[in-house]
N, C-alpha and C. Protein backbone atom coordinates (compact mmCIF):
# COMPACT_ATOMS: atom_id res chain seq x y z
N MET A 1 20.33 16.87 -10.02
CA MET A 1 19.01 16.57 -9.51
C MET A 1 18.49 17.80 -8.76
N THR A 2 17.27 18.17 -9.07
CA THR A 2 16.68 19.33 -8.41
C THR A 2 16.00 18.92 -7.11
N ALA A 3 15.68 19.89 -6.30
CA ALA A 3 14.97 19.63 -5.04
C ALA A 3 13.59 19.03 -5.33
N ALA A 4 12.94 19.50 -6.40
CA ALA A 4 11.62 18.97 -6.76
C ALA A 4 11.71 17.50 -7.16
N THR A 5 12.75 17.15 -7.93
CA THR A 5 12.95 15.75 -8.31
C THR A 5 13.22 14.88 -7.10
N SER A 6 14.06 15.36 -6.19
CA SER A 6 14.35 14.60 -4.97
C SER A 6 13.09 14.39 -4.15
N LEU A 7 12.27 15.42 -4.03
CA LEU A 7 11.02 15.30 -3.27
C LEU A 7 10.08 14.32 -3.96
N ASP A 8 9.96 14.39 -5.28
CA ASP A 8 9.11 13.45 -6.02
C ASP A 8 9.57 12.02 -5.82
N ASP A 9 10.89 11.79 -5.82
CA ASP A 9 11.44 10.46 -5.60
C ASP A 9 11.10 9.96 -4.20
N LEU A 10 11.25 10.81 -3.19
CA LEU A 10 10.92 10.43 -1.82
C LEU A 10 9.44 10.12 -1.67
N LEU A 11 8.58 10.92 -2.29
CA LEU A 11 7.15 10.68 -2.22
C LEU A 11 6.77 9.37 -2.92
N ALA A 12 7.42 9.07 -4.03
CA ALA A 12 7.16 7.82 -4.74
C ALA A 12 7.57 6.62 -3.88
N LYS A 13 8.75 6.68 -3.29
CA LYS A 13 9.22 5.59 -2.44
C LYS A 13 8.31 5.41 -1.22
N ASP A 14 7.86 6.50 -0.64
CA ASP A 14 6.95 6.43 0.51
C ASP A 14 5.63 5.77 0.11
N ALA A 15 5.11 6.12 -1.05
CA ALA A 15 3.86 5.51 -1.52
C ALA A 15 4.03 4.01 -1.75
N ILE A 16 5.16 3.59 -2.28
CA ILE A 16 5.44 2.17 -2.52
C ILE A 16 5.56 1.43 -1.19
N ILE A 17 6.25 2.00 -0.24
CA ILE A 17 6.38 1.38 1.09
C ILE A 17 5.00 1.22 1.73
N ASP A 18 4.13 2.21 1.55
CA ASP A 18 2.77 2.14 2.09
C ASP A 18 2.00 0.97 1.47
N VAL A 19 2.13 0.76 0.18
CA VAL A 19 1.46 -0.38 -0.48
C VAL A 19 1.96 -1.70 0.09
N LEU A 20 3.26 -1.82 0.29
CA LEU A 20 3.82 -3.07 0.82
C LEU A 20 3.34 -3.33 2.24
N ALA A 21 3.25 -2.29 3.05
CA ALA A 21 2.72 -2.45 4.41
C ALA A 21 1.25 -2.83 4.37
N ARG A 22 0.49 -2.20 3.48
CA ARG A 22 -0.94 -2.51 3.34
C ARG A 22 -1.15 -3.95 2.87
N TYR A 23 -0.26 -4.46 2.03
CA TYR A 23 -0.36 -5.84 1.57
C TYR A 23 -0.37 -6.80 2.76
N SER A 24 0.59 -6.68 3.67
CA SER A 24 0.65 -7.56 4.84
C SER A 24 -0.53 -7.33 5.76
N HIS A 25 -0.84 -6.07 6.01
CA HIS A 25 -1.92 -5.70 6.92
C HIS A 25 -3.26 -6.28 6.47
N THR A 26 -3.56 -6.15 5.19
CA THR A 26 -4.87 -6.62 4.70
C THR A 26 -4.95 -8.14 4.62
N LEU A 27 -3.83 -8.81 4.40
CA LEU A 27 -3.84 -10.28 4.45
C LEU A 27 -4.12 -10.76 5.87
N ASP A 28 -3.42 -10.19 6.83
CA ASP A 28 -3.54 -10.64 8.22
C ASP A 28 -4.93 -10.40 8.79
N TRP A 29 -5.59 -9.33 8.36
CA TRP A 29 -6.91 -9.00 8.89
C TRP A 29 -8.04 -9.45 7.96
N LEU A 30 -7.70 -10.17 6.91
CA LEU A 30 -8.68 -10.73 5.95
C LEU A 30 -9.54 -9.64 5.31
N ASP A 31 -8.89 -8.57 4.85
CA ASP A 31 -9.56 -7.47 4.18
C ASP A 31 -9.35 -7.62 2.67
N GLU A 32 -10.29 -8.27 2.01
CA GLU A 32 -10.13 -8.58 0.59
C GLU A 32 -10.10 -7.32 -0.27
N GLU A 33 -10.93 -6.35 0.03
CA GLU A 33 -10.93 -5.10 -0.73
C GLU A 33 -9.61 -4.35 -0.57
N GLY A 34 -9.12 -4.31 0.66
CA GLY A 34 -7.82 -3.68 0.91
C GLY A 34 -6.69 -4.40 0.19
N GLN A 35 -6.75 -5.74 0.16
CA GLN A 35 -5.75 -6.53 -0.54
C GLN A 35 -5.76 -6.19 -2.03
N ALA A 36 -6.95 -6.12 -2.60
CA ALA A 36 -7.06 -5.80 -4.03
C ALA A 36 -6.48 -4.43 -4.34
N SER A 37 -6.55 -3.49 -3.39
CA SER A 37 -6.05 -2.13 -3.62
C SER A 37 -4.53 -2.06 -3.71
N CYS A 38 -3.84 -3.14 -3.41
CA CYS A 38 -2.38 -3.17 -3.50
C CYS A 38 -1.90 -3.44 -4.93
N PHE A 39 -2.77 -3.99 -5.76
CA PHE A 39 -2.41 -4.41 -7.11
C PHE A 39 -3.26 -3.66 -8.15
N TRP A 40 -2.69 -3.45 -9.32
CA TRP A 40 -3.52 -3.08 -10.45
C TRP A 40 -4.24 -4.36 -10.86
N PRO A 41 -5.53 -4.32 -11.19
CA PRO A 41 -6.27 -5.55 -11.49
C PRO A 41 -5.62 -6.41 -12.58
N ASP A 42 -4.96 -5.76 -13.55
CA ASP A 42 -4.32 -6.51 -14.63
C ASP A 42 -2.87 -6.90 -14.32
N ALA A 43 -2.42 -6.68 -13.08
CA ALA A 43 -1.04 -7.04 -12.71
C ALA A 43 -0.79 -8.52 -12.94
N ALA A 44 0.38 -8.85 -13.45
CA ALA A 44 0.79 -10.24 -13.63
C ALA A 44 1.34 -10.74 -12.30
N VAL A 45 0.77 -11.83 -11.78
CA VAL A 45 1.14 -12.37 -10.49
C VAL A 45 1.61 -13.81 -10.67
N ASP A 46 2.79 -14.14 -10.10
CA ASP A 46 3.33 -15.50 -10.17
C ASP A 46 3.83 -15.89 -8.79
N TYR A 47 3.09 -16.80 -8.14
CA TYR A 47 3.49 -17.35 -6.85
C TYR A 47 3.89 -18.82 -7.00
N GLY A 48 4.07 -19.29 -8.21
CA GLY A 48 4.38 -20.70 -8.41
C GLY A 48 3.12 -21.53 -8.45
N PHE A 49 2.38 -21.59 -7.36
CA PHE A 49 1.12 -22.34 -7.33
C PHE A 49 0.01 -21.58 -8.06
N PHE A 50 0.24 -20.29 -8.33
CA PHE A 50 -0.73 -19.45 -9.03
C PHE A 50 0.01 -18.57 -10.02
N LYS A 51 -0.52 -18.52 -11.24
CA LYS A 51 -0.02 -17.60 -12.26
C LYS A 51 -1.24 -17.01 -12.96
N GLY A 52 -1.34 -15.70 -12.94
CA GLY A 52 -2.48 -15.04 -13.58
C GLY A 52 -2.52 -13.58 -13.19
N SER A 53 -3.69 -12.99 -13.33
CA SER A 53 -3.85 -11.57 -13.03
C SER A 53 -4.13 -11.38 -11.54
N ALA A 54 -3.89 -10.17 -11.06
CA ALA A 54 -4.17 -9.84 -9.66
C ALA A 54 -5.66 -9.98 -9.37
N ALA A 55 -6.51 -9.61 -10.33
CA ALA A 55 -7.96 -9.74 -10.13
C ALA A 55 -8.33 -11.20 -9.86
N GLU A 56 -7.63 -12.13 -10.49
CA GLU A 56 -7.87 -13.57 -10.25
C GLU A 56 -7.17 -14.04 -8.97
N PHE A 57 -6.03 -13.45 -8.66
CA PHE A 57 -5.22 -13.88 -7.53
C PHE A 57 -5.83 -13.55 -6.18
N VAL A 58 -6.36 -12.35 -6.02
CA VAL A 58 -6.82 -11.89 -4.71
C VAL A 58 -7.84 -12.85 -4.09
N PRO A 59 -8.88 -13.30 -4.80
CA PRO A 59 -9.81 -14.25 -4.18
C PRO A 59 -9.14 -15.58 -3.79
N VAL A 60 -8.15 -16.00 -4.57
CA VAL A 60 -7.44 -17.25 -4.28
C VAL A 60 -6.62 -17.12 -3.01
N VAL A 61 -5.83 -16.06 -2.90
CA VAL A 61 -4.97 -15.90 -1.72
C VAL A 61 -5.82 -15.65 -0.47
N MET A 62 -6.92 -14.93 -0.62
CA MET A 62 -7.78 -14.69 0.55
C MET A 62 -8.44 -15.98 1.02
N ALA A 63 -8.80 -16.86 0.12
CA ALA A 63 -9.35 -18.16 0.52
C ALA A 63 -8.31 -18.97 1.28
N ILE A 64 -7.07 -18.92 0.84
CA ILE A 64 -5.98 -19.61 1.54
C ILE A 64 -5.81 -19.03 2.94
N GLU A 65 -5.79 -17.71 3.05
CA GLU A 65 -5.61 -17.06 4.35
C GLU A 65 -6.77 -17.36 5.29
N ARG A 66 -7.99 -17.44 4.77
CA ARG A 66 -9.15 -17.73 5.62
C ARG A 66 -9.09 -19.13 6.23
N ARG A 67 -8.36 -20.04 5.61
CA ARG A 67 -8.24 -21.41 6.16
C ARG A 67 -7.30 -21.46 7.35
N SER A 68 -6.52 -20.41 7.57
CA SER A 68 -5.62 -20.35 8.72
C SER A 68 -6.33 -19.67 9.88
N ALA A 69 -6.22 -20.26 11.07
CA ALA A 69 -6.77 -19.62 12.26
C ALA A 69 -5.93 -18.41 12.64
N ARG A 70 -4.66 -18.46 12.30
CA ARG A 70 -3.74 -17.36 12.55
C ARG A 70 -2.87 -17.17 11.32
N ARG A 71 -2.54 -15.91 11.07
CA ARG A 71 -1.65 -15.61 9.97
C ARG A 71 -0.88 -14.36 10.34
N TRP A 72 0.35 -14.27 9.84
CA TRP A 72 1.21 -13.16 10.21
C TRP A 72 2.22 -12.93 9.09
N HIS A 73 2.22 -11.74 8.51
CA HIS A 73 3.13 -11.39 7.42
C HIS A 73 4.01 -10.23 7.86
N LEU A 74 5.29 -10.38 7.68
CA LEU A 74 6.24 -9.33 8.03
C LEU A 74 7.17 -9.11 6.84
N SER A 75 7.28 -7.86 6.44
CA SER A 75 8.16 -7.51 5.32
C SER A 75 9.34 -6.71 5.82
N GLY A 76 10.50 -7.01 5.26
CA GLY A 76 11.69 -6.22 5.56
C GLY A 76 11.65 -4.92 4.78
N PRO A 77 12.62 -4.06 5.01
CA PRO A 77 12.66 -2.81 4.26
C PRO A 77 12.91 -3.10 2.78
N PRO A 78 12.13 -2.49 1.90
CA PRO A 78 12.29 -2.78 0.47
C PRO A 78 13.50 -2.07 -0.14
N ALA A 79 14.07 -2.71 -1.14
CA ALA A 79 15.05 -2.06 -2.00
C ALA A 79 14.27 -1.54 -3.20
N ILE A 80 14.30 -0.24 -3.42
CA ILE A 80 13.49 0.40 -4.46
C ILE A 80 14.40 1.13 -5.44
N ARG A 81 14.21 0.81 -6.73
CA ARG A 81 14.90 1.55 -7.80
C ARG A 81 13.84 2.19 -8.66
N LEU A 82 13.78 3.51 -8.62
CA LEU A 82 12.84 4.23 -9.47
C LEU A 82 13.38 4.23 -10.90
N VAL A 83 12.61 3.68 -11.81
CA VAL A 83 13.03 3.61 -13.21
C VAL A 83 12.77 4.95 -13.88
N ASP A 84 11.59 5.48 -13.62
CA ASP A 84 11.21 6.81 -14.10
C ASP A 84 10.09 7.29 -13.19
N GLY A 85 9.38 8.33 -13.58
CA GLY A 85 8.36 8.90 -12.73
C GLY A 85 7.13 8.03 -12.52
N SER A 86 7.03 6.92 -13.25
CA SER A 86 5.84 6.08 -13.11
C SER A 86 6.13 4.57 -13.03
N HIS A 87 7.39 4.21 -12.90
CA HIS A 87 7.75 2.78 -12.78
C HIS A 87 8.88 2.61 -11.77
N ALA A 88 8.81 1.50 -11.03
CA ALA A 88 9.85 1.19 -10.05
C ALA A 88 10.04 -0.31 -9.97
N GLU A 89 11.27 -0.73 -9.75
CA GLU A 89 11.60 -2.13 -9.48
C GLU A 89 11.85 -2.24 -7.98
N VAL A 90 11.24 -3.24 -7.34
CA VAL A 90 11.27 -3.35 -5.88
C VAL A 90 11.52 -4.80 -5.49
N GLU A 91 12.40 -5.01 -4.51
CA GLU A 91 12.61 -6.34 -3.92
C GLU A 91 12.46 -6.21 -2.42
N THR A 92 11.62 -7.11 -1.86
CA THR A 92 11.32 -7.07 -0.44
C THR A 92 11.39 -8.48 0.12
N TYR A 93 12.15 -8.67 1.20
CA TYR A 93 12.18 -9.96 1.89
C TYR A 93 10.99 -10.05 2.82
N GLY A 94 10.46 -11.25 2.99
CA GLY A 94 9.30 -11.40 3.85
C GLY A 94 9.32 -12.69 4.65
N LEU A 95 8.75 -12.61 5.85
CA LEU A 95 8.49 -13.79 6.69
C LEU A 95 6.99 -13.92 6.84
N THR A 96 6.50 -15.13 6.70
CA THR A 96 5.07 -15.39 6.83
C THR A 96 4.88 -16.63 7.69
N ALA A 97 3.93 -16.55 8.61
CA ALA A 97 3.57 -17.71 9.42
C ALA A 97 2.07 -17.89 9.36
N GLY A 98 1.66 -19.12 9.34
CA GLY A 98 0.23 -19.45 9.37
C GLY A 98 0.03 -20.69 10.20
N ALA A 99 -1.13 -20.80 10.84
CA ALA A 99 -1.41 -21.97 11.68
C ALA A 99 -2.87 -22.37 11.54
N ARG A 100 -3.09 -23.66 11.64
CA ARG A 100 -4.44 -24.22 11.65
C ARG A 100 -4.63 -25.05 12.91
N GLN A 101 -5.86 -25.11 13.35
CA GLN A 101 -6.17 -25.90 14.54
C GLN A 101 -6.46 -27.34 14.13
N GLY A 102 -5.77 -28.27 14.82
CA GLY A 102 -5.99 -29.69 14.55
C GLY A 102 -7.19 -30.22 15.32
N GLU A 103 -7.56 -31.44 15.03
CA GLU A 103 -8.71 -32.06 15.70
C GLU A 103 -8.51 -32.18 17.21
N ASP A 104 -7.25 -32.24 17.66
CA ASP A 104 -6.98 -32.35 19.10
C ASP A 104 -6.96 -30.99 19.79
N GLY A 105 -7.24 -29.90 19.04
CA GLY A 105 -7.30 -28.57 19.63
C GLY A 105 -6.00 -27.81 19.60
N THR A 106 -4.89 -28.44 19.26
CA THR A 106 -3.61 -27.74 19.19
C THR A 106 -3.47 -27.05 17.83
N TYR A 107 -2.57 -26.10 17.78
CA TYR A 107 -2.31 -25.36 16.55
C TYR A 107 -0.91 -25.68 16.06
N ALA A 108 -0.80 -25.89 14.77
CA ALA A 108 0.49 -26.10 14.14
C ALA A 108 0.49 -25.35 12.82
N GLY A 109 1.65 -24.99 12.36
CA GLY A 109 1.70 -24.23 11.13
C GLY A 109 3.06 -24.30 10.48
N THR A 110 3.33 -23.30 9.66
CA THR A 110 4.57 -23.25 8.92
C THR A 110 5.06 -21.81 8.88
N LEU A 111 6.37 -21.64 8.99
CA LEU A 111 7.03 -20.35 8.83
C LEU A 111 7.70 -20.36 7.45
N TYR A 112 7.46 -19.31 6.68
CA TYR A 112 8.01 -19.22 5.32
C TYR A 112 8.93 -18.01 5.22
N GLY A 113 10.01 -18.16 4.50
CA GLY A 113 10.90 -17.05 4.20
C GLY A 113 11.05 -16.93 2.70
N GLY A 114 10.83 -15.75 2.18
CA GLY A 114 10.93 -15.56 0.74
C GLY A 114 11.12 -14.10 0.40
N ARG A 115 10.96 -13.82 -0.87
CA ARG A 115 11.13 -12.45 -1.35
C ARG A 115 10.11 -12.15 -2.44
N TYR A 116 9.69 -10.90 -2.44
CA TYR A 116 8.77 -10.39 -3.45
C TYR A 116 9.57 -9.60 -4.46
N LEU A 117 9.51 -9.99 -5.72
CA LEU A 117 10.17 -9.28 -6.81
C LEU A 117 9.07 -8.55 -7.57
N ASP A 118 8.96 -7.25 -7.35
CA ASP A 118 7.84 -6.47 -7.85
C ASP A 118 8.26 -5.42 -8.86
N THR A 119 7.33 -5.14 -9.76
CA THR A 119 7.37 -3.94 -10.57
C THR A 119 6.16 -3.13 -10.16
N PHE A 120 6.39 -1.87 -9.78
CA PHE A 120 5.30 -0.97 -9.43
C PHE A 120 5.06 -0.02 -10.59
N ALA A 121 3.79 0.37 -10.74
CA ALA A 121 3.44 1.37 -11.75
C ALA A 121 2.57 2.43 -11.10
N LYS A 122 2.81 3.66 -11.52
CA LYS A 122 1.98 4.78 -11.07
C LYS A 122 1.02 5.10 -12.20
N ARG A 123 -0.27 5.05 -11.87
CA ARG A 123 -1.31 5.42 -12.84
C ARG A 123 -2.09 6.57 -12.21
N GLY A 124 -2.12 7.67 -12.90
CA GLY A 124 -2.70 8.88 -12.30
C GLY A 124 -1.79 9.30 -11.17
N THR A 125 -2.34 9.32 -9.95
CA THR A 125 -1.53 9.71 -8.79
C THR A 125 -1.23 8.54 -7.88
N GLU A 126 -1.58 7.33 -8.29
CA GLU A 126 -1.51 6.17 -7.38
C GLU A 126 -0.49 5.13 -7.82
N TRP A 127 0.33 4.68 -6.87
CA TRP A 127 1.27 3.58 -7.10
C TRP A 127 0.64 2.28 -6.65
N ARG A 128 0.78 1.23 -7.46
CA ARG A 128 0.35 -0.13 -7.10
C ARG A 128 1.29 -1.13 -7.75
N ILE A 129 1.17 -2.37 -7.31
CA ILE A 129 1.96 -3.46 -7.90
C ILE A 129 1.42 -3.76 -9.29
N ALA A 130 2.31 -3.76 -10.29
CA ALA A 130 1.94 -4.06 -11.67
C ALA A 130 2.41 -5.45 -12.09
N ARG A 131 3.41 -5.97 -11.38
CA ARG A 131 3.91 -7.34 -11.62
C ARG A 131 4.51 -7.83 -10.32
N ARG A 132 4.19 -9.07 -9.96
CA ARG A 132 4.78 -9.66 -8.75
C ARG A 132 5.20 -11.09 -9.04
N ASN A 133 6.43 -11.40 -8.62
CA ASN A 133 6.94 -12.77 -8.65
C ASN A 133 7.41 -13.07 -7.25
N TYR A 134 6.76 -14.04 -6.59
CA TYR A 134 7.17 -14.43 -5.24
C TYR A 134 8.11 -15.61 -5.34
N VAL A 135 9.24 -15.52 -4.62
CA VAL A 135 10.22 -16.60 -4.60
C VAL A 135 10.30 -17.12 -3.16
N LEU A 136 9.98 -18.39 -2.97
CA LEU A 136 10.08 -19.02 -1.65
C LEU A 136 11.52 -19.51 -1.47
N ASP A 137 12.18 -19.01 -0.44
CA ASP A 137 13.56 -19.41 -0.16
C ASP A 137 13.63 -20.61 0.77
N TRP A 138 12.71 -20.68 1.75
CA TRP A 138 12.73 -21.78 2.71
C TRP A 138 11.40 -21.82 3.47
N SER A 139 11.16 -22.95 4.12
CA SER A 139 10.00 -23.07 5.01
C SER A 139 10.39 -23.97 6.18
N HIS A 140 9.68 -23.79 7.30
CA HIS A 140 9.99 -24.55 8.51
C HIS A 140 8.70 -24.81 9.28
N PRO A 141 8.45 -26.05 9.70
CA PRO A 141 7.22 -26.33 10.45
C PRO A 141 7.26 -25.69 11.84
N ILE A 142 6.08 -25.29 12.31
CA ILE A 142 5.92 -24.72 13.65
C ILE A 142 4.89 -25.59 14.38
N PRO A 143 5.34 -26.52 15.21
CA PRO A 143 4.38 -27.37 15.91
C PRO A 143 3.88 -26.74 17.21
N ASP A 144 2.72 -27.17 17.64
CA ASP A 144 2.20 -26.88 18.99
C ASP A 144 2.26 -25.41 19.38
N GLN A 145 1.57 -24.58 18.64
CA GLN A 145 1.43 -23.18 19.04
C GLN A 145 0.44 -23.09 20.19
N PRO A 146 0.50 -22.03 20.97
CA PRO A 146 -0.44 -21.89 22.09
C PRO A 146 -1.88 -21.81 21.61
N VAL A 147 -2.77 -22.27 22.44
CA VAL A 147 -4.19 -22.17 22.12
C VAL A 147 -4.62 -20.71 22.31
N PHE A 148 -5.89 -20.43 22.11
CA PHE A 148 -6.36 -19.06 22.20
C PHE A 148 -6.62 -18.61 23.63
N ASN A 149 -6.33 -19.43 24.62
CA ASN A 149 -6.47 -19.03 26.02
C ASN A 149 -5.14 -18.48 26.49
N PRO A 150 -5.10 -17.23 26.95
CA PRO A 150 -3.83 -16.66 27.40
C PRO A 150 -3.31 -17.37 28.65
N ASN A 151 -2.01 -17.42 28.76
CA ASN A 151 -1.34 -17.99 29.94
C ASN A 151 -1.53 -17.01 31.10
N ALA A 152 -2.11 -17.48 32.21
CA ALA A 152 -2.39 -16.61 33.35
C ALA A 152 -1.13 -15.95 33.89
N ALA A 153 0.01 -16.62 33.79
CA ALA A 153 1.26 -16.05 34.29
C ALA A 153 1.82 -15.00 33.33
N PHE A 154 1.36 -14.99 32.11
CA PHE A 154 1.84 -14.06 31.08
C PHE A 154 0.67 -13.72 30.18
N PRO A 155 -0.30 -12.95 30.67
CA PRO A 155 -1.60 -12.82 30.00
C PRO A 155 -1.64 -11.84 28.83
N LEU A 156 -0.99 -12.19 27.75
CA LEU A 156 -1.09 -11.38 26.55
C LEU A 156 -2.30 -11.83 25.75
N PRO A 157 -3.03 -10.90 25.14
CA PRO A 157 -4.18 -11.30 24.33
C PRO A 157 -3.72 -12.00 23.06
N ILE A 158 -4.50 -12.96 22.63
CA ILE A 158 -4.24 -13.68 21.39
C ILE A 158 -5.43 -13.43 20.48
N LEU A 159 -5.19 -12.90 19.30
CA LEU A 159 -6.27 -12.59 18.37
C LEU A 159 -6.69 -13.84 17.61
N GLU A 160 -7.97 -14.01 17.49
CA GLU A 160 -8.54 -15.06 16.64
C GLU A 160 -9.26 -14.34 15.51
N ILE A 161 -8.66 -14.36 14.34
CA ILE A 161 -9.22 -13.67 13.18
C ILE A 161 -9.64 -14.74 12.18
N LEU A 162 -10.91 -15.05 12.17
CA LEU A 162 -11.43 -16.12 11.33
C LEU A 162 -12.19 -15.59 10.13
N GLY A 163 -12.41 -14.29 10.07
CA GLY A 163 -13.11 -13.68 8.95
C GLY A 163 -12.85 -12.20 8.94
N GLY A 164 -13.21 -11.55 7.84
CA GLY A 164 -13.04 -10.11 7.75
C GLY A 164 -13.95 -9.40 8.74
N GLY A 165 -13.68 -8.13 9.00
CA GLY A 165 -14.51 -7.34 9.87
C GLY A 165 -14.25 -7.52 11.35
N HIS A 166 -13.07 -7.96 11.75
CA HIS A 166 -12.74 -8.13 13.16
C HIS A 166 -12.89 -6.80 13.89
N GLU A 167 -13.37 -6.84 15.14
CA GLU A 167 -13.63 -5.62 15.92
C GLU A 167 -12.38 -4.77 16.14
N ARG A 168 -11.20 -5.35 16.10
CA ARG A 168 -9.97 -4.58 16.31
C ARG A 168 -9.33 -4.09 15.02
N TYR A 169 -9.90 -4.45 13.87
CA TYR A 169 -9.34 -4.04 12.59
C TYR A 169 -9.51 -2.54 12.38
N ARG A 170 -8.45 -1.91 11.90
CA ARG A 170 -8.49 -0.49 11.56
C ARG A 170 -8.00 -0.34 10.13
N GLN A 171 -8.77 0.33 9.28
CA GLN A 171 -8.28 0.63 7.95
C GLN A 171 -7.24 1.72 8.08
N LEU A 172 -6.05 1.45 7.59
CA LEU A 172 -4.95 2.41 7.70
C LEU A 172 -4.60 2.97 6.33
């Protein structure tokens, strides 16, 4: 392996890691355009409840995320196998939490644990997801989350992201 090949491999893996981070970031901040940039439009997507192209998937997943008053996606470090200079197989574990406000004003939600089984493709100079299969390993209810008023004894801010364009959102 030459130094140039090693550098190309590192740059490819870094680009893939960036896409995976952007996937979570754009879901949590309700950035539909940013979410679409993680996938090739013709990517095959299978989440069980949805099977189709990424172009069809993005509006569906964003509508689901908009129904949550809070959402939070965390991905573990990906396992990446570069197949060649333009294809990679990637597996990433993820935790996701979402909550909705009930009629009584309390928030309850669900914590999900699963894994993303992805094929990435490089087209031109850009890496994106070309195939995704999400596998849900487990879920657990989360009752009675705190309301949006911070606890005076422990005053951490709580973000309420109900639509895209939040004042604290930064395109990264």
